[in-house]
Amino acid sequence: MLCKGFKLRWDDKPLYEAIFNKDNEDNLSSTSMRFIEAVTAHTLGMSYDETWFEIPILSRTYMVATRLGKEWLNNLQEEYAIQKIRK
């Protein structure tokens, strides 16, 4: 993902187009794992380049799963807190 000014881009296309263009097979739905890996690398302070791909696939999988698990748990906690406030 590149940032040019305030415009986020994915594969040289505006990010919103990459996400929402259903006619294009090269949208984020077809590259979602690549996107998830890039976010995970960034979250861990790693470059999403050969450094990332030198890590064995099983280890990268665990890293992604751990990050997604934490996000899922945080979302559940937030949802629970919102439900308690509404009651």
C-alpha atoms as a PDB file:
ATOM      1  CA  MET A   1       0.000   0.000   0.000  1.00  0.00           C
ATOM      2  CA  LEU A   2       1.335   3.408  -0.917  1.00  0.00           C
ATOM      3  CA  CYS A   3       0.436   6.779   0.476  1.00  0.00           C
ATOM      4  CA  LYS A   4       0.653   9.682  -1.958  1.00  0.00           C
ATOM      5  CA  GLY A   5      -0.465  12.813  -0.178  1.00  0.00           C
ATOM      6  CA  PHE A   6      -3.723  11.914   1.505  1.00  0.00           C
ATOM      7  CA  LYS A   7      -4.680   9.339  -1.115  1.00  0.00           C
ATOM      8  CA  LEU A   8      -4.148   5.697  -0.178  1.00  0.00           C
ATOM      9  CA  ARG A   9      -3.418   3.407  -3.084  1.00  0.00           C
ATOM     10  CA  TRP A  10      -3.315  -0.362  -3.583  1.00  0.00           C
ATOM     11  CA  ASP A  11      -1.585  -1.744  -6.684  1.00  0.00           C
ATOM     12  CA  ASP A  12      -1.507   1.775  -8.173  1.00  0.00           C
ATOM     13  CA  LYS A  13      -5.288   2.199  -7.792  1.00  0.00           C
ATOM     14  CA  PRO A  14      -7.188   4.308  -5.264  1.00  0.00           C
ATOM     15  CA  LEU A  15      -7.840   2.160  -2.190  1.00  0.00           C
ATOM     16  CA  TYR A  16     -11.620   2.629  -2.361  1.00  0.00           C
ATOM     17  CA  GLU A  17     -11.588   1.324  -5.944  1.00  0.00           C
ATOM     18  CA  ALA A  18      -9.505  -1.701  -4.980  1.00  0.00           C
ATOM     19  CA  ILE A  19     -11.941  -2.532  -2.179  1.00  0.00           C
ATOM     20  CA  PHE A  20     -15.295  -1.815  -3.798  1.00  0.00           C
ATOM     21  CA  ASN A  21     -14.818  -2.549  -7.506  1.00  0.00           C
ATOM     22  CA  LYS A  22     -16.695  -5.847  -7.830  1.00  0.00           C
ATOM     23  CA  ASP A  23     -16.168  -6.045 -11.610  1.00  0.00           C
ATOM     24  CA  ASN A  24     -12.416  -6.181 -11.236  1.00  0.00           C
ATOM     25  CA  GLU A  25     -10.929  -9.531 -10.219  1.00  0.00           C
ATOM     26  CA  ASP A  26      -7.860  -7.708  -8.893  1.00  0.00           C
ATOM     27  CA  ASN A  27      -9.681  -6.145  -5.941  1.00  0.00           C
ATOM     28  CA  LEU A  28      -8.842  -6.590  -2.267  1.00  0.00           C
ATOM     29  CA  SER A  29     -11.200  -9.534  -1.930  1.00  0.00           C
ATOM     30  CA  SER A  30      -8.880 -11.508  -4.193  1.00  0.00           C
ATOM     31  CA  THR A  31      -5.752 -10.244  -2.420  1.00  0.00           C
ATOM     32  CA  SER A  32      -7.079 -10.190   1.120  1.00  0.00           C
ATOM     33  CA  MET A  33      -4.416 -12.523   2.516  1.00  0.00           C
ATOM     34  CA  ARG A  34      -1.700 -10.339   1.040  1.00  0.00           C
ATOM     35  CA  PHE A  35      -3.360  -7.300   2.631  1.00  0.00           C
ATOM     36  CA  ILE A  36      -3.697  -9.068   6.002  1.00  0.00           C
ATOM     37  CA  GLU A  37      -0.029 -10.086   5.876  1.00  0.00           C
ATOM     38  CA  ALA A  38       1.035  -6.526   5.015  1.00  0.00           C
ATOM     39  CA  VAL A  39      -0.955  -5.121   7.951  1.00  0.00           C
ATOM     40  CA  THR A  40       0.515  -7.752  10.269  1.00  0.00           C
ATOM     41  CA  ALA A  41       4.060  -6.939   9.156  1.00  0.00           C
ATOM     42  CA  HIS A  42       3.407  -3.226   9.649  1.00  0.00           C
ATOM     43  CA  THR A  43       1.882  -3.823  13.094  1.00  0.00           C
ATOM     44  CA  LEU A  44       4.997  -5.744  14.112  1.00  0.00           C
ATOM     45  CA  GLY A  45       7.256  -3.007  12.757  1.00  0.00           C
ATOM     46  CA  MET A  46       8.582  -5.181   9.955  1.00  0.00           C
ATOM     47  CA  SER A  47       9.031  -4.369   6.299  1.00  0.00           C
ATOM     48  CA  TYR A  48       6.652  -6.179   3.984  1.00  0.00           C
ATOM     49  CA  ASP A  49       9.437  -7.196   1.640  1.00  0.00           C
ATOM     50  CA  GLU A  50      11.925 -10.044   1.449  1.00  0.00           C
ATOM     51  CA  THR A  51      12.410  -9.730   5.228  1.00  0.00           C
ATOM     52  CA  TRP A  52       8.792 -10.791   5.753  1.00  0.00           C
ATOM     53  CA  PHE A  53       8.963 -13.607   3.215  1.00  0.00           C
ATOM     54  CA  GLU A  54      12.181 -15.002   4.712  1.00  0.00           C
ATOM     55  CA  ILE A  55      10.104 -15.997   7.762  1.00  0.00           C
ATOM     56  CA  PRO A  56       8.817 -19.581   7.362  1.00  0.00           C
ATOM     57  CA  ILE A  57       5.183 -19.722   6.229  1.00  0.00           C
ATOM     58  CA  LEU A  58       4.030 -21.513   9.383  1.00  0.00           C
ATOM     59  CA  SER A  59       5.538 -18.793  11.570  1.00  0.00           C
ATOM     60  CA  ARG A  60       3.948 -16.058   9.434  1.00  0.00           C
ATOM     61  CA  THR A  61       0.620 -17.858   9.735  1.00  0.00           C
ATOM     62  CA  TYR A  62       0.903 -17.885  13.529  1.00  0.00           C
ATOM     63  CA  MET A  63       1.822 -14.185  13.524  1.00  0.00           C
ATOM     64  CA  VAL A  64      -1.231 -13.316  11.423  1.00  0.00           C
ATOM     65  CA  ALA A  65      -3.522 -15.531  13.508  1.00  0.00           C
ATOM     66  CA  THR A  66      -2.285 -13.965  16.744  1.00  0.00           C
ATOM     67  CA  ARG A  67      -2.899 -10.439  15.465  1.00  0.00           C
ATOM     68  CA  LEU A  68      -6.355 -11.304  14.140  1.00  0.00           C
ATOM     69  CA  GLY A  69      -7.216 -13.096  17.398  1.00  0.00           C
ATOM     70  CA  LYS A  70      -6.318 -10.012  19.426  1.00  0.00           C
ATOM     71  CA  GLU A  71      -8.418  -7.798  17.149  1.00  0.00           C
ATOM     72  CA  TRP A  72     -11.347 -10.208  17.367  1.00  0.00           C
ATOM     73  CA  LEU A  73     -11.146 -10.294  21.176  1.00  0.00           C
ATOM     74  CA  ASN A  74     -10.963  -6.490  21.361  1.00  0.00           C
ATOM     75  CA  ASN A  75     -14.011  -6.217  19.108  1.00  0.00           C
ATOM     76  CA  LEU A  76     -15.938  -8.674  21.298  1.00  0.00           C
ATOM     77  CA  GLN A  77     -15.033  -6.691  24.411  1.00  0.00           C
ATOM     78  CA  GLU A  78     -16.112  -3.422  22.797  1.00  0.00           C
ATOM     79  CA  GLU A  79     -19.384  -4.964  21.639  1.00  0.00           C
ATOM     80  CA  TYR A  80     -20.045  -6.314  25.144  1.00  0.00           C
ATOM     81  CA  ALA A  81     -19.309  -2.898  26.683  1.00  0.00           C
ATOM     82  CA  ILE A  82     -21.666  -1.166  24.240  1.00  0.00           C
ATOM     83  CA  GLN A  83     -24.438  -3.681  25.014  1.00  0.00           C
ATOM     84  CA  LYS A  84     -23.997  -3.053  28.753  1.00  0.00           C
ATOM     85  CA  ILE A  85     -24.239   0.710  28.241  1.00  0.00           C
ATOM     86  CA  ARG A  86     -27.446   0.363  26.194  1.00  0.00           C
ATOM     87  CA  LYS A  87     -29.174  -1.660  28.932  1.00  0.00           C
END
